[in-house]
N, C-alpha and C. Protein backbone atom coordinates (compact mmCIF):
# COMPACT_ATOMS: atom_id res chain seq x y z
N UNK A 1 -88.51 -112.43 138.69
CA UNK A 1 -87.73 -112.69 139.90
C UNK A 1 -88.38 -113.81 140.70
N UNK A 2 -87.57 -114.68 141.18
CA UNK A 2 -88.12 -115.77 141.97
C UNK A 2 -88.05 -115.41 143.45
N UNK A 3 -88.91 -116.02 144.22
CA UNK A 3 -88.96 -115.77 145.66
C UNK A 3 -88.02 -116.74 146.36
N UNK A 4 -86.73 -116.67 146.05
CA UNK A 4 -85.72 -117.52 146.67
C UNK A 4 -84.54 -116.67 147.11
N UNK A 5 -83.99 -117.03 148.26
CA UNK A 5 -82.79 -116.37 148.75
C UNK A 5 -81.61 -116.83 147.91
N UNK A 6 -80.76 -115.90 147.47
CA UNK A 6 -79.61 -116.24 146.63
C UNK A 6 -78.53 -116.94 147.44
N UNK A 7 -78.54 -116.84 148.77
CA UNK A 7 -77.50 -117.43 149.60
C UNK A 7 -77.92 -118.81 150.11
N UNK A 8 -79.04 -118.90 150.83
CA UNK A 8 -79.42 -120.17 151.45
C UNK A 8 -80.48 -120.94 150.66
N UNK A 9 -81.10 -120.30 149.67
CA UNK A 9 -82.09 -120.99 148.85
C UNK A 9 -83.47 -121.08 149.48
N UNK A 10 -83.68 -120.36 150.58
CA UNK A 10 -84.99 -120.40 151.24
C UNK A 10 -86.06 -119.86 150.29
N UNK A 11 -87.19 -120.58 150.20
CA UNK A 11 -88.28 -120.19 149.32
C UNK A 11 -89.61 -120.23 150.05
N UNK A 12 -90.70 -120.08 149.31
CA UNK A 12 -92.02 -120.10 149.93
C UNK A 12 -92.34 -121.47 150.52
N UNK A 13 -93.07 -121.46 151.64
CA UNK A 13 -93.58 -122.68 152.23
C UNK A 13 -95.09 -122.61 152.22
N UNK A 14 -95.74 -123.75 152.28
CA UNK A 14 -97.20 -123.77 152.25
C UNK A 14 -97.74 -124.26 153.58
N UNK A 15 -98.95 -123.81 153.88
CA UNK A 15 -99.60 -124.21 155.11
C UNK A 15 -101.07 -123.84 155.03
N UNK A 16 -101.67 -123.66 156.19
CA UNK A 16 -103.09 -123.35 156.25
C UNK A 16 -103.35 -122.11 157.08
N UNK A 17 -104.34 -121.30 156.64
CA UNK A 17 -104.99 -120.36 157.53
C UNK A 17 -105.99 -121.18 158.33
N UNK A 18 -106.03 -120.98 159.64
CA UNK A 18 -106.98 -121.70 160.46
C UNK A 18 -107.87 -120.68 161.16
N UNK A 19 -109.16 -120.70 160.83
CA UNK A 19 -110.09 -119.73 161.38
C UNK A 19 -110.53 -120.16 162.79
N UNK A 20 -111.29 -119.30 163.41
CA UNK A 20 -111.80 -119.60 164.75
C UNK A 20 -112.68 -120.86 164.74
N UNK A 21 -113.37 -121.09 163.61
CA UNK A 21 -114.20 -122.29 163.50
C UNK A 21 -113.39 -123.50 163.01
N UNK A 22 -112.08 -123.34 162.94
CA UNK A 22 -111.12 -124.39 162.56
C UNK A 22 -111.24 -124.83 161.10
N UNK A 23 -111.77 -123.96 160.25
CA UNK A 23 -111.73 -124.22 158.81
C UNK A 23 -110.31 -123.99 158.32
N UNK A 24 -109.83 -124.84 157.43
CA UNK A 24 -108.47 -124.72 156.91
C UNK A 24 -108.52 -124.28 155.45
N UNK A 25 -107.82 -123.19 155.14
CA UNK A 25 -107.66 -122.74 153.76
C UNK A 25 -106.18 -122.59 153.49
N UNK A 26 -105.76 -122.96 152.28
CA UNK A 26 -104.35 -122.95 151.93
C UNK A 26 -103.79 -121.53 151.92
N UNK A 27 -102.53 -121.39 152.29
CA UNK A 27 -101.83 -120.11 152.21
C UNK A 27 -100.36 -120.36 151.97
N UNK A 28 -99.62 -119.31 151.65
CA UNK A 28 -98.18 -119.42 151.44
C UNK A 28 -97.46 -118.53 152.44
N UNK A 29 -96.38 -119.05 152.99
CA UNK A 29 -95.51 -118.28 153.86
C UNK A 29 -94.32 -117.84 153.02
N UNK A 30 -94.21 -116.55 152.73
CA UNK A 30 -93.15 -116.04 151.87
C UNK A 30 -91.95 -115.62 152.72
N UNK A 31 -90.73 -115.89 152.24
CA UNK A 31 -89.55 -115.44 152.97
C UNK A 31 -89.41 -113.93 152.88
N UNK A 32 -88.80 -113.33 153.89
CA UNK A 32 -88.59 -111.88 153.92
C UNK A 32 -87.33 -111.57 153.13
N UNK A 33 -87.49 -111.32 151.83
CA UNK A 33 -86.35 -111.07 150.94
C UNK A 33 -86.12 -109.58 150.76
N UNK A 34 -84.86 -109.20 150.79
CA UNK A 34 -84.45 -107.81 150.56
C UNK A 34 -83.50 -107.79 149.38
N UNK A 35 -83.64 -106.77 148.52
CA UNK A 35 -82.70 -106.59 147.42
C UNK A 35 -81.50 -105.83 147.95
N UNK A 36 -80.31 -106.42 147.80
CA UNK A 36 -79.09 -105.89 148.40
C UNK A 36 -78.02 -105.76 147.33
N UNK A 37 -77.29 -104.64 147.38
CA UNK A 37 -76.14 -104.48 146.50
C UNK A 37 -74.92 -105.09 147.18
N UNK A 38 -74.24 -106.00 146.47
CA UNK A 38 -73.13 -106.75 147.04
C UNK A 38 -71.91 -106.57 146.15
N UNK A 39 -70.72 -106.49 146.77
CA UNK A 39 -69.48 -106.42 146.00
C UNK A 39 -69.26 -107.73 145.27
N UNK A 40 -69.03 -107.65 143.95
CA UNK A 40 -68.80 -108.85 143.16
C UNK A 40 -67.32 -108.99 142.82
N UNK A 41 -66.48 -108.22 143.47
CA UNK A 41 -65.05 -108.25 143.17
C UNK A 41 -64.72 -107.26 142.08
N UNK A 42 -63.46 -106.99 141.88
CA UNK A 42 -62.90 -106.04 140.90
C UNK A 42 -63.70 -104.74 140.78
N UNK A 43 -64.23 -104.25 141.90
CA UNK A 43 -64.89 -102.95 141.94
C UNK A 43 -66.30 -102.89 141.39
N UNK A 44 -66.91 -104.02 141.07
CA UNK A 44 -68.27 -104.00 140.55
C UNK A 44 -69.24 -104.45 141.63
N UNK A 45 -70.48 -104.02 141.50
CA UNK A 45 -71.52 -104.43 142.44
C UNK A 45 -72.63 -105.14 141.69
N UNK A 46 -73.32 -106.03 142.41
CA UNK A 46 -74.42 -106.81 141.85
C UNK A 46 -75.58 -106.75 142.83
N UNK A 47 -76.80 -106.67 142.31
CA UNK A 47 -77.98 -106.72 143.16
C UNK A 47 -78.46 -108.16 143.26
N UNK A 48 -78.63 -108.65 144.49
CA UNK A 48 -79.16 -109.98 144.71
C UNK A 48 -80.27 -109.91 145.75
N UNK A 49 -81.13 -110.92 145.76
CA UNK A 49 -82.21 -110.98 146.75
C UNK A 49 -81.79 -111.94 147.85
N UNK A 50 -81.79 -111.43 149.08
CA UNK A 50 -81.27 -112.18 150.22
C UNK A 50 -82.30 -112.12 151.33
N UNK A 51 -82.48 -113.24 152.05
CA UNK A 51 -83.40 -113.25 153.18
C UNK A 51 -82.76 -112.51 154.36
N UNK A 52 -83.58 -112.02 155.25
CA UNK A 52 -83.08 -111.22 156.36
C UNK A 52 -82.26 -112.05 157.35
N UNK A 53 -82.50 -113.37 157.41
CA UNK A 53 -81.68 -114.21 158.28
C UNK A 53 -80.23 -114.23 157.82
N UNK A 54 -80.01 -114.31 156.50
CA UNK A 54 -78.65 -114.30 155.97
C UNK A 54 -77.99 -112.94 156.19
N UNK A 55 -78.76 -111.86 156.05
CA UNK A 55 -78.22 -110.52 156.31
C UNK A 55 -77.81 -110.38 157.76
N UNK A 56 -78.67 -110.82 158.66
CA UNK A 56 -78.41 -110.68 160.08
C UNK A 56 -77.24 -111.57 160.53
N UNK A 57 -77.09 -112.74 159.90
CA UNK A 57 -76.02 -113.66 160.25
C UNK A 57 -74.67 -113.22 159.69
N UNK A 58 -74.66 -112.20 158.82
CA UNK A 58 -73.41 -111.71 158.26
C UNK A 58 -72.89 -112.54 157.11
N UNK A 59 -73.76 -113.32 156.46
CA UNK A 59 -73.33 -114.14 155.34
C UNK A 59 -73.13 -113.30 154.08
N UNK A 60 -73.63 -112.04 154.10
CA UNK A 60 -73.53 -111.14 152.96
C UNK A 60 -73.00 -109.81 153.45
N UNK A 61 -72.06 -109.24 152.73
CA UNK A 61 -71.55 -107.91 153.04
C UNK A 61 -72.12 -106.93 152.02
N UNK A 62 -72.84 -105.93 152.51
CA UNK A 62 -73.39 -104.91 151.61
C UNK A 62 -72.26 -104.10 150.99
N UNK A 63 -72.47 -103.66 149.75
CA UNK A 63 -71.48 -102.82 149.09
C UNK A 63 -71.60 -101.39 149.60
N UNK A 64 -70.46 -100.73 149.77
CA UNK A 64 -70.46 -99.32 150.18
C UNK A 64 -70.89 -98.47 149.00
N UNK A 65 -71.67 -97.47 149.27
CA UNK A 65 -72.16 -96.61 148.19
C UNK A 65 -71.13 -95.64 147.74
């Protein structure tokens, strides 16, 4: 599984941890992805990984259980 949102394509970003002494070490900022069951039409459901921004914005409708 890749760390990408299936809707907006948001993926990991890179940056630095900065300590109190201002030393910089590389780190990754991972998107907050949730596995969601979505209606795929004709009564079937599909699991996709979606970031929480897309869920909150209503870009994805969860499937009813």
